[in-house]
Amino acid sequence: MTEFLTAAVGFILAMLALGLVSILRGPGDTDRMMAAQLIGTAGIAALLLLGTVTGVPAAVDVALTLALLATFASIAFVKKGLSSLDTDGAGITEDK
């Protein structure tokens, strides 16, 4: 079972590397933010698997902390996008 979990960590890290390429070459801010969320999720999964394989409970604590921080990062990104819509006037749909 340990070999399977280690192979799963390797696969997740390979997908994380592809996410890094997507951040560097992403066409827009939204695509880059989604790639950053993918990297965060992959990092959390890798830490959880490594914590399980090695028996280090601190890795699980770090993974859960990163999951909480990633939630706040995505909320901040959405709020920034909504505030820029309000200042641009794109969100206003008044009929005259």
PDB file of N, CA and C in Angstrom:
ATOM      1  N   MET A   1       0.814  -1.194   0.000  1.00  0.00           N
ATOM      2  CA  MET A   1       0.000   0.000   0.000  1.00  0.00           C
ATOM      3  C   MET A   1       0.857   1.256   0.000  1.00  0.00           C
ATOM      4  N   THR A   2       2.000   1.187   0.645  1.00  0.00           N
ATOM      5  CA  THR A   2       2.895   2.336   0.697  1.00  0.00           C
ATOM      6  C   THR A   2       3.401   2.708  -0.684  1.00  0.00           C
ATOM      7  N   GLU A   3       3.687   1.695  -1.512  1.00  0.00           N
ATOM      8  CA  GLU A   3       4.175   1.963  -2.862  1.00  0.00           C
ATOM      9  C   GLU A   3       3.108   2.664  -3.701  1.00  0.00           C
ATOM     10  N   PHE A   4       1.853   2.242  -3.531  1.00  0.00           N
ATOM     11  CA  PHE A   4       0.765   2.866  -4.281  1.00  0.00           C
ATOM     12  C   PHE A   4       0.604   4.327  -3.878  1.00  0.00           C
ATOM     13  N   LEU A   5       0.633   4.607  -2.580  1.00  0.00           N
ATOM     14  CA  LEU A   5       0.488   5.990  -2.121  1.00  0.00           C
ATOM     15  C   LEU A   5       1.662   6.852  -2.571  1.00  0.00           C
ATOM     16  N   THR A   6       2.858   6.285  -2.591  1.00  0.00           N
ATOM     17  CA  THR A   6       4.025   7.026  -3.069  1.00  0.00           C
ATOM     18  C   THR A   6       3.904   7.304  -4.558  1.00  0.00           C
ATOM     19  N   ALA A   7       3.390   6.351  -5.316  1.00  0.00           N
ATOM     20  CA  ALA A   7       3.163   6.576  -6.743  1.00  0.00           C
ATOM     21  C   ALA A   7       2.092   7.640  -6.959  1.00  0.00           C
ATOM     22  N   ALA A   8       1.072   7.650  -6.110  1.00  0.00           N
ATOM     23  CA  ALA A   8       0.026   8.668  -6.209  1.00  0.00           C
ATOM     24  C   ALA A   8       0.599  10.051  -5.929  1.00  0.00           C
ATOM     25  N   VAL A   9       1.505  10.157  -4.962  1.00  0.00           N
ATOM     26  CA  VAL A   9       2.167  11.437  -4.684  1.00  0.00           C
ATOM     27  C   VAL A   9       2.979  11.877  -5.896  1.00  0.00           C
ATOM     28  N   GLY A  10       3.672  10.957  -6.539  1.00  0.00           N
ATOM     29  CA  GLY A  10       4.439  11.299  -7.744  1.00  0.00           C
ATOM     30  C   GLY A  10       3.548  11.807  -8.861  1.00  0.00           C
ATOM     31  N   PHE A  11       2.402  11.164  -9.047  1.00  0.00           N
ATOM     32  CA  PHE A  11       1.460  11.609 -10.075  1.00  0.00           C
ATOM     33  C   PHE A  11       0.916  12.996  -9.753  1.00  0.00           C
ATOM     34  N   ILE A  12       0.575  13.224  -8.499  1.00  0.00           N
ATOM     35  CA  ILE A  12       0.057  14.527  -8.088  1.00  0.00           C
ATOM     36  C   ILE A  12       1.111  15.610  -8.290  1.00  0.00           C
ATOM     37  N   LEU A  13       2.354  15.314  -7.977  1.00  0.00           N
ATOM     38  CA  LEU A  13       3.417  16.300  -8.174  1.00  0.00           C
ATOM     39  C   LEU A  13       3.648  16.587  -9.652  1.00  0.00           C
ATOM     40  N   ALA A  14       3.455  15.591 -10.509  1.00  0.00           N
ATOM     41  CA  ALA A  14       3.568  15.828 -11.953  1.00  0.00           C
ATOM     42  C   ALA A  14       2.447  16.750 -12.431  1.00  0.00           C
ATOM     43  N   MET A  15       1.241  16.559 -11.914  1.00  0.00           N
ATOM     44  CA  MET A  15       0.133  17.453 -12.267  1.00  0.00           C
ATOM     45  C   MET A  15       0.362  18.856 -11.717  1.00  0.00           C
ATOM     46  N   LEU A  16       1.013  18.936 -10.570  1.00  0.00           N
ATOM     47  CA  LEU A  16       1.356  20.230  -9.996  1.00  0.00           C
ATOM     48  C   LEU A  16       2.327  20.975 -10.901  1.00  0.00           C
ATOM     49  N   ALA A  17       3.269  20.268 -11.486  1.00  0.00           N
ATOM     50  CA  ALA A  17       4.212  20.895 -12.415  1.00  0.00           C
ATOM     51  C   ALA A  17       3.487  21.429 -13.652  1.00  0.00           C
ATOM     52  N   LEU A  18       2.501  20.691 -14.133  1.00  0.00           N
ATOM     53  CA  LEU A  18       1.706  21.189 -15.264  1.00  0.00           C
ATOM     54  C   LEU A  18       0.920  22.436 -14.881  1.00  0.00           C
ATOM     55  N   GLY A  19       0.468  22.499 -13.644  1.00  0.00           N
ATOM     56  CA  GLY A  19      -0.229  23.688 -13.165  1.00  0.00           C
ATOM     57  C   GLY A  19       0.688  24.898 -13.125  1.00  0.00           C
ATOM     58  N   LEU A  20       1.949  24.688 -12.787  1.00  0.00           N
ATOM     59  CA  LEU A  20       2.913  25.790 -12.800  1.00  0.00           C
ATOM     60  C   LEU A  20       3.104  26.345 -14.203  1.00  0.00           C
ATOM     61  N   VAL A  21       3.128  25.462 -15.180  1.00  0.00           N
ATOM     62  CA  VAL A  21       3.238  25.906 -16.566  1.00  0.00           C
ATOM     63  C   VAL A  21       2.000  26.715 -16.951  1.00  0.00           C
ATOM     64  N   SER A  22       0.851  26.293 -16.486  1.00  0.00           N
ATOM     65  CA  SER A  22      -0.388  27.008 -16.791  1.00  0.00           C
ATOM     66  C   SER A  22      -0.399  28.392 -16.161  1.00  0.00           C
ATOM     67  N   ILE A  23       0.185  28.532 -14.983  1.00  0.00           N
ATOM     68  CA  ILE A  23       0.261  29.854 -14.359  1.00  0.00           C
ATOM     69  C   ILE A  23       1.160  30.777 -15.178  1.00  0.00           C
ATOM     70  N   LEU A  24       2.262  30.256 -15.641  1.00  0.00           N
ATOM     71  CA  LEU A  24       3.201  31.087 -16.400  1.00  0.00           C
ATOM     72  C   LEU A  24       2.666  31.476 -17.768  1.00  0.00           C
ATOM     73  N   ARG A  25       1.877  30.605 -18.388  1.00  0.00           N
ATOM     74  CA  ARG A  25       1.427  30.844 -19.750  1.00  0.00           C
ATOM     75  C   ARG A  25      -0.062  31.146 -19.866  1.00  0.00           C
ATOM     76  N   GLY A  26      -0.743  31.265 -18.722  1.00  0.00           N
ATOM     77  CA  GLY A  26      -2.190  31.471 -18.740  1.00  0.00           C
ATOM     78  C   GLY A  26      -2.582  32.750 -19.468  1.00  0.00           C
ATOM     79  N   PRO A  27      -3.655  32.689 -20.236  1.00  0.00           N
ATOM     80  CA  PRO A  27      -4.038  33.871 -20.997  1.00  0.00           C
ATOM     81  C   PRO A  27      -4.634  34.993 -20.147  1.00  0.00           C
ATOM     82  N   GLY A  28      -5.235  34.682 -19.015  1.00  0.00           N
ATOM     83  CA  GLY A  28      -5.875  35.719 -18.219  1.00  0.00           C
ATOM     84  C   GLY A  28      -5.687  35.494 -16.736  1.00  0.00           C
ATOM     85  N   ASP A  29      -6.107  36.491 -15.964  1.00  0.00           N
ATOM     86  CA  ASP A  29      -5.975  36.393 -14.518  1.00  0.00           C
ATOM     87  C   ASP A  29      -6.828  35.273 -13.936  1.00  0.00           C
ATOM     88  N   THR A  30      -8.002  35.075 -14.492  1.00  0.00           N
ATOM     89  CA  THR A  30      -8.884  34.022 -13.990  1.00  0.00           C
ATOM     90  C   THR A  30      -8.282  32.646 -14.214  1.00  0.00           C
ATOM     91  N   ASP A  31      -7.692  32.440 -15.387  1.00  0.00           N
ATOM     92  CA  ASP A  31      -7.048  31.156 -15.666  1.00  0.00           C
ATOM     93  C   ASP A  31      -5.875  30.922 -14.734  1.00  0.00           C
ATOM     94  N   ARG A  32      -5.147  31.963 -14.458  1.00  0.00           N
ATOM     95  CA  ARG A  32      -4.003  31.829 -13.550  1.00  0.00           C
ATOM     96  C   ARG A  32      -4.459  31.541 -12.124  1.00  0.00           C
ATOM     97  N   MET A  33      -5.553  32.163 -11.706  1.00  0.00           N
ATOM     98  CA  MET A  33      -6.072  31.907 -10.358  1.00  0.00           C
ATOM     99  C   MET A  33      -6.573  30.474 -10.245  1.00  0.00           C
ATOM    100  N   MET A  34      -7.229  29.980 -11.280  1.00  0.00           N
ATOM    101  CA  MET A  34      -7.688  28.588 -11.256  1.00  0.00           C
ATOM    102  C   MET A  34      -6.508  27.625 -11.207  1.00  0.00           C
ATOM    103  N   ALA A  35      -5.428  27.955 -11.920  1.00  0.00           N
ATOM    104  CA  ALA A  35      -4.233  27.116 -11.863  1.00  0.00           C
ATOM    105  C   ALA A  35      -3.600  27.179 -10.475  1.00  0.00           C
ATOM    106  N   ALA A  36      -3.629  28.347  -9.852  1.00  0.00           N
ATOM    107  CA  ALA A  36      -3.101  28.460  -8.489  1.00  0.00           C
ATOM    108  C   ALA A  36      -3.936  27.638  -7.515  1.00  0.00           C
ATOM    109  N   GLN A  37      -5.248  27.611  -7.717  1.00  0.00           N
ATOM    110  CA  GLN A  37      -6.104  26.770  -6.885  1.00  0.00           C
ATOM    111  C   GLN A  37      -5.805  25.288  -7.106  1.00  0.00           C
ATOM    112  N   LEU A  38      -5.522  24.929  -8.360  1.00  0.00           N
ATOM    113  CA  LEU A  38      -5.132  23.550  -8.661  1.00  0.00           C
ATOM    114  C   LEU A  38      -3.836  23.185  -7.952  1.00  0.00           C
ATOM    115  N   ILE A  39      -2.887  24.098  -7.962  1.00  0.00           N
ATOM    116  CA  ILE A  39      -1.616  23.845  -7.281  1.00  0.00           C
ATOM    117  C   ILE A  39      -1.840  23.712  -5.777  1.00  0.00           C
ATOM    118  N   GLY A  40      -2.690  24.564  -5.225  1.00  0.00           N
ATOM    119  CA  GLY A  40      -2.987  24.461  -3.798  1.00  0.00           C
ATOM    120  C   GLY A  40      -3.632  23.141  -3.442  1.00  0.00           C
ATOM    121  N   THR A  41      -4.578  22.717  -4.256  1.00  0.00           N
ATOM    122  CA  THR A  41      -5.252  21.443  -4.011  1.00  0.00           C
ATOM    123  C   THR A  41      -4.284  20.270  -4.158  1.00  0.00           C
ATOM    124  N   ALA A  42      -3.435  20.337  -5.173  1.00  0.00           N
ATOM    125  CA  ALA A  42      -2.450  19.261  -5.366  1.00  0.00           C
ATOM    126  C   ALA A  42      -1.445  19.235  -4.220  1.00  0.00           C
ATOM    127  N   GLY A  43      -1.044  20.400  -3.754  1.00  0.00           N
ATOM    128  CA  GLY A  43      -0.117  20.444  -2.617  1.00  0.00           C
ATOM    129  C   GLY A  43      -0.740  19.882  -1.358  1.00  0.00           C
ATOM    130  N   ILE A  44      -2.007  20.197  -1.149  1.00  0.00           N
ATOM    131  CA  ILE A  44      -2.712  19.666   0.013  1.00  0.00           C
ATOM    132  C   ILE A  44      -2.830  18.145  -0.075  1.00  0.00           C
ATOM    133  N   ALA A  45      -3.179  17.650  -1.264  1.00  0.00           N
ATOM    134  CA  ALA A  45      -3.293  16.192  -1.445  1.00  0.00           C
ATOM    135  C   ALA A  45      -1.949  15.507  -1.242  1.00  0.00           C
ATOM    136  N   ALA A  46      -0.884  16.111  -1.779  1.00  0.00           N
ATOM    137  CA  ALA A  46       0.445  15.513  -1.618  1.00  0.00           C
ATOM    138  C   ALA A  46       0.854  15.486  -0.150  1.00  0.00           C
ATOM    139  N   LEU A  47       0.587  16.569   0.571  1.00  0.00           N
ATOM    140  CA  LEU A  47       0.926  16.589   1.998  1.00  0.00           C
ATOM    141  C   LEU A  47       0.117  15.572   2.794  1.00  0.00           C
ATOM    142  N   LEU A  48      -1.158  15.430   2.471  1.00  0.00           N
ATOM    143  CA  LEU A  48      -1.974  14.444   3.173  1.00  0.00           C
ATOM    144  C   LEU A  48      -1.477  13.026   2.918  1.00  0.00           C
ATOM    145  N   LEU A  49      -1.134  12.746   1.666  1.00  0.00           N
ATOM    146  CA  LEU A  49      -0.623  11.404   1.350  1.00  0.00           C
ATOM    147  C   LEU A  49       0.737  11.159   1.994  1.00  0.00           C
ATOM    148  N   LEU A  50       1.609  12.167   1.940  1.00  0.00           N
ATOM    149  CA  LEU A  50       2.926  11.999   2.568  1.00  0.00           C
ATOM    150  C   LEU A  50       2.803  11.849   4.081  1.00  0.00           C
ATOM    151  N   GLY A  51       1.874  12.584   4.682  1.00  0.00           N
ATOM    152  CA  GLY A  51       1.651  12.429   6.119  1.00  0.00           C
ATOM    153  C   GLY A  51       1.155  11.044   6.472  1.00  0.00           C
ATOM    154  N   THR A  52       0.338  10.470   5.588  1.00  0.00           N
ATOM    155  CA  THR A  52      -0.170   9.117   5.818  1.00  0.00           C
ATOM    156  C   THR A  52       0.929   8.080   5.636  1.00  0.00           C
ATOM    157  N   VAL A  53       1.731   8.259   4.583  1.00  0.00           N
ATOM    158  CA  VAL A  53       2.785   7.271   4.288  1.00  0.00           C
ATOM    159  C   VAL A  53       3.858   7.287   5.366  1.00  0.00           C
ATOM    160  N   THR A  54       4.301   8.479   5.766  1.00  0.00           N
ATOM    161  CA  THR A  54       5.403   8.568   6.712  1.00  0.00           C
ATOM    162  C   THR A  54       4.957   8.518   8.167  1.00  0.00           C
ATOM    163  N   GLY A  55       3.656   8.713   8.411  1.00  0.00           N
ATOM    164  CA  GLY A  55       3.170   8.687   9.786  1.00  0.00           C
ATOM    165  C   GLY A  55       3.466   9.962  10.552  1.00  0.00           C
ATOM    166  N   VAL A  56       3.634  11.069   9.828  1.00  0.00           N
ATOM    167  CA  VAL A  56       3.910  12.356  10.466  1.00  0.00           C
ATOM    168  C   VAL A  56       2.601  13.139  10.550  1.00  0.00           C
ATOM    169  N   PRO A  57       2.046  13.285  11.751  1.00  0.00           N
ATOM    170  CA  PRO A  57       0.768  13.992  11.851  1.00  0.00           C
ATOM    171  C   PRO A  57       0.877  15.495  11.589  1.00  0.00           C
ATOM    172  N   ALA A  58       2.069  16.058  11.700  1.00  0.00           N
ATOM    173  CA  ALA A  58       2.240  17.494  11.449  1.00  0.00           C
ATOM    174  C   ALA A  58       1.986  17.828   9.979  1.00  0.00           C
ATOM    175  N   ALA A  59       2.252  16.900   9.079  1.00  0.00           N
ATOM    176  CA  ALA A  59       2.001  17.142   7.654  1.00  0.00           C
ATOM    177  C   ALA A  59       0.506  17.291   7.392  1.00  0.00           C
ATOM    178  N   VAL A  60      -0.309  16.546   8.111  1.00  0.00           N
ATOM    179  CA  VAL A  60      -1.758  16.660   7.968  1.00  0.00           C
ATOM    180  C   VAL A  60      -2.222  18.017   8.488  1.00  0.00           C
ATOM    181  N   ASP A  61      -1.644  18.478   9.590  1.00  0.00           N
ATOM    182  CA  ASP A  61      -1.998  19.792  10.126  1.00  0.00           C
ATOM    183  C   ASP A  61      -1.632  20.909   9.159  1.00  0.00           C
ATOM    184  N   VAL A  62      -0.474  20.809   8.549  1.00  0.00           N
ATOM    185  CA  VAL A  62      -0.051  21.815   7.568  1.00  0.00           C
ATOM    186  C   VAL A  62      -0.973  21.796   6.357  1.00  0.00           C
ATOM    187  N   ALA A  63      -1.361  20.618   5.909  1.00  0.00           N
ATOM    188  CA  ALA A  63      -2.251  20.508   4.753  1.00  0.00           C
ATOM    189  C   ALA A  63      -3.611  21.146   5.041  1.00  0.00           C
ATOM    190  N   LEU A  64      -4.138  20.919   6.217  1.00  0.00           N
ATOM    191  CA  LEU A  64      -5.427  21.514   6.563  1.00  0.00           C
ATOM    192  C   LEU A  64      -5.324  23.031   6.704  1.00  0.00           C
ATOM    193  N   THR A  65      -4.209  23.524   7.203  1.00  0.00           N
ATOM    194  CA  THR A  65      -3.993  24.970   7.287  1.00  0.00           C
ATOM    195  C   THR A  65      -3.912  25.582   5.897  1.00  0.00           C
ATOM    196  N   LEU A  66      -3.216  24.921   4.985  1.00  0.00           N
ATOM    197  CA  LEU A  66      -3.136  25.406   3.603  1.00  0.00           C
ATOM    198  C   LEU A  66      -4.501  25.403   2.930  1.00  0.00           C
ATOM    199  N   ALA A  67      -5.327  24.424   3.233  1.00  0.00           N
ATOM    200  CA  ALA A  67      -6.673  24.387   2.664  1.00  0.00           C
ATOM    201  C   ALA A  67      -7.491  25.580   3.141  1.00  0.00           C
ATOM    202  N   LEU A  68      -7.352  25.938   4.394  1.00  0.00           N
ATOM    203  CA  LEU A  68      -8.059  27.105   4.929  1.00  0.00           C
ATOM    204  C   LEU A  68      -7.570  28.387   4.272  1.00  0.00           C
ATOM    205  N   LEU A  69      -6.268  28.528   4.095  1.00  0.00           N
ATOM    206  CA  LEU A  69      -5.715  29.727   3.456  1.00  0.00           C
ATOM    207  C   LEU A  69      -6.113  29.815   1.983  1.00  0.00           C
ATOM    208  N   ALA A  70      -6.199  28.697   1.307  1.00  0.00           N
ATOM    209  CA  ALA A  70      -6.604  28.700  -0.103  1.00  0.00           C
ATOM    210  C   ALA A  70      -8.044  29.168  -0.252  1.00  0.00           C
ATOM    211  N   THR A  71      -8.879  28.835   0.710  1.00  0.00           N
ATOM    212  CA  THR A  71     -10.264  29.304   0.679  1.00  0.00           C
ATOM    213  C   THR A  71     -10.320  30.820   0.772  1.00  0.00           C
ATOM    214  N   PHE A  72      -9.545  31.385   1.681  1.00  0.00           N
ATOM    215  CA  PHE A  72      -9.517  32.843   1.811  1.00  0.00           C
ATOM    216  C   PHE A  72      -8.937  33.508   0.570  1.00  0.00           C
ATOM    217  N   ALA A  73      -7.960  32.884  -0.064  1.00  0.00           N
ATOM    218  CA  ALA A  73      -7.379  33.456  -1.280  1.00  0.00           C
ATOM    219  C   ALA A  73      -8.400  33.510  -2.410  1.00  0.00           C
ATOM    220  N   SER A  74      -9.183  32.466  -2.566  1.00  0.00           N
ATOM    221  CA  SER A  74     -10.182  32.479  -3.640  1.00  0.00           C
ATOM    222  C   SER A  74     -11.306  33.467  -3.343  1.00  0.00           C
ATOM    223  N   ILE A  75     -11.682  33.616  -2.089  1.00  0.00           N
ATOM    224  CA  ILE A  75     -12.697  34.608  -1.735  1.00  0.00           C
ATOM    225  C   ILE A  75     -12.185  36.012  -2.015  1.00  0.00           C
ATOM    226  N   ALA A  76     -10.931  36.288  -1.683  1.00  0.00           N
ATOM    227  CA  ALA A  76     -10.349  37.607  -1.953  1.00  0.00           C
ATOM    228  C   ALA A  76     -10.295  37.881  -3.453  1.00  0.00           C
ATOM    229  N   PHE A  77      -9.993  36.874  -4.247  1.00  0.00           N
ATOM    230  CA  PHE A  77      -9.939  37.056  -5.704  1.00  0.00           C
ATOM    231  C   PHE A  77     -11.315  37.395  -6.256  1.00  0.00           C
ATOM    232  N   VAL A  78     -12.339  36.711  -5.779  1.00  0.00           N
ATOM    233  CA  VAL A  78     -13.696  36.975  -6.260  1.00  0.00           C
ATOM    234  C   VAL A  78     -14.152  38.367  -5.832  1.00  0.00           C
ATOM    235  N   LYS A  79     -13.858  38.752  -4.586  1.00  0.00           N
ATOM    236  CA  LYS A  79     -14.245  40.087  -4.122  1.00  0.00           C
ATOM    237  C   LYS A  79     -13.533  41.170  -4.928  1.00  0.00           C
ATOM    238  N   LYS A  80     -12.283  40.950  -5.275  1.00  0.00           N
ATOM    239  CA  LYS A  80     -11.550  41.922  -6.088  1.00  0.00           C
ATOM    240  C   LYS A  80     -12.198  42.029  -7.467  1.00  0.00           C
ATOM    241  N   GLY A  81     -12.612  40.916  -8.030  1.00  0.00           N
ATOM    242  CA  GLY A  81     -13.264  40.933  -9.326  1.00  0.00           C
ATOM    243  C   GLY A  81     -14.607  41.628  -9.286  1.00  0.00           C
ATOM    244  N   LEU A  82     -15.361  41.418  -8.216  1.00  0.00           N
ATOM    245  CA  LEU A  82     -16.657  42.080  -8.090  1.00  0.00           C
ATOM    246  C   LEU A  82     -16.502  43.583  -7.894  1.00  0.00           C
ATOM    247  N   SER A  83     -15.490  43.990  -7.123  1.00  0.00           N
ATOM    248  CA  SER A  83     -15.300  45.424  -6.916  1.00  0.00           C
ATOM    249  C   SER A  83     -14.825  46.105  -8.193  1.00  0.00           C
ATOM    250  N   SER A  84     -14.050  45.422  -9.011  1.00  0.00           N
ATOM    251  CA  SER A  84     -13.626  46.028 -10.278  1.00  0.00           C
ATOM    252  C   SER A  84     -14.796  46.121 -11.255  1.00  0.00           C
ATOM    253  N   LEU A  85     -15.754  45.198 -11.165  1.00  0.00           N
ATOM    254  CA  LEU A  85     -16.955  45.302 -11.993  1.00  0.00           C
ATOM    255  C   LEU A  85     -17.790  46.513 -11.586  1.00  0.00           C
ATOM    256  N   ASP A  86     -17.875  46.770 -10.283  1.00  0.00           N
ATOM    257  CA  ASP A  86     -18.647  47.909  -9.797  1.00  0.00           C
ATOM    258  C   ASP A  86     -18.012  49.232 -10.214  1.00  0.00           C
ATOM    259  N   THR A  87     -16.693  49.327 -10.156  1.00  0.00           N
ATOM    260  CA  THR A  87     -16.033  50.580 -10.518  1.00  0.00           C
ATOM    261  C   THR A  87     -16.024  50.810 -12.023  1.00  0.00           C
ATOM    262  N   ASP A  88     -16.037  49.720 -12.812  1.00  0.00           N
ATOM    263  CA  ASP A  88     -16.082  49.868 -14.262  1.00  0.00           C
ATOM    264  C   ASP A  88     -17.474  50.206 -14.763  1.00  0.00           C
ATOM    265  N   GLY A  89     -18.470  49.919 -13.953  1.00  0.00           N
ATOM    266  CA  GLY A  89     -19.846  50.157 -14.368  1.00  0.00           C
ATOM    267  C   GLY A  89     -20.434  49.023 -15.169  1.00  0.00           C
ATOM    268  N   ALA A  90     -19.710  47.924 -15.265  1.00  0.00           N
ATOM    269  CA  ALA A  90     -20.194  46.782 -16.052  1.00  0.00           C
ATOM    270  C   ALA A  90     -21.331  46.063 -15.348  1.00  0.00           C
ATOM    271  N   GLY A  91     -21.394  46.174 -14.019  1.00  0.00           N
ATOM    272  CA  GLY A  91     -22.433  45.488 -13.282  1.00  0.00           C
ATOM    273  C   GLY A  91     -23.738  46.270 -13.203  1.00  0.00           C
ATOM    274  N   ILE A  92     -23.743  47.519 -13.692  1.00  0.00           N
ATOM    275  CA  ILE A  92     -24.936  48.346 -13.597  1.00  0.00           C
ATOM    276  C   ILE A  92     -25.833  48.073 -14.802  1.00  0.00           C
ATOM    277  N   THR A  93     -27.082  47.705 -14.528  1.00  0.00           N
ATOM    278  CA  THR A  93     -28.030  47.396 -15.614  1.00  0.00           C
ATOM    279  C   THR A  93     -29.309  48.193 -15.399  1.00  0.00           C
ATOM    280  N   GLU A  94     -29.213  49.517 -15.371  1.00  0.00           N
ATOM    281  CA  GLU A  94     -30.380  50.361 -15.179  1.00  0.00           C
ATOM    282  C   GLU A  94     -30.991  50.695 -16.532  1.00  0.00           C
ATOM    283  N   ASP A  95     -32.304  50.650 -16.606  1.00  0.00           N
ATOM    284  CA  ASP A  95     -33.017  51.049 -17.829  1.00  0.00           C
ATOM    285  C   ASP A  95     -33.472  52.493 -17.672  1.00  0.00           C
ATOM    286  N   LYS A  96     -33.286  53.277 -18.701  1.00  0.00           N
ATOM    287  CA  LYS A  96     -33.702  54.685 -18.657  1.00  0.00           C
ATOM    288  C   LYS A  96     -34.852  54.946 -19.568  1.00  0.00           C
TER     289      LYS A  96
END
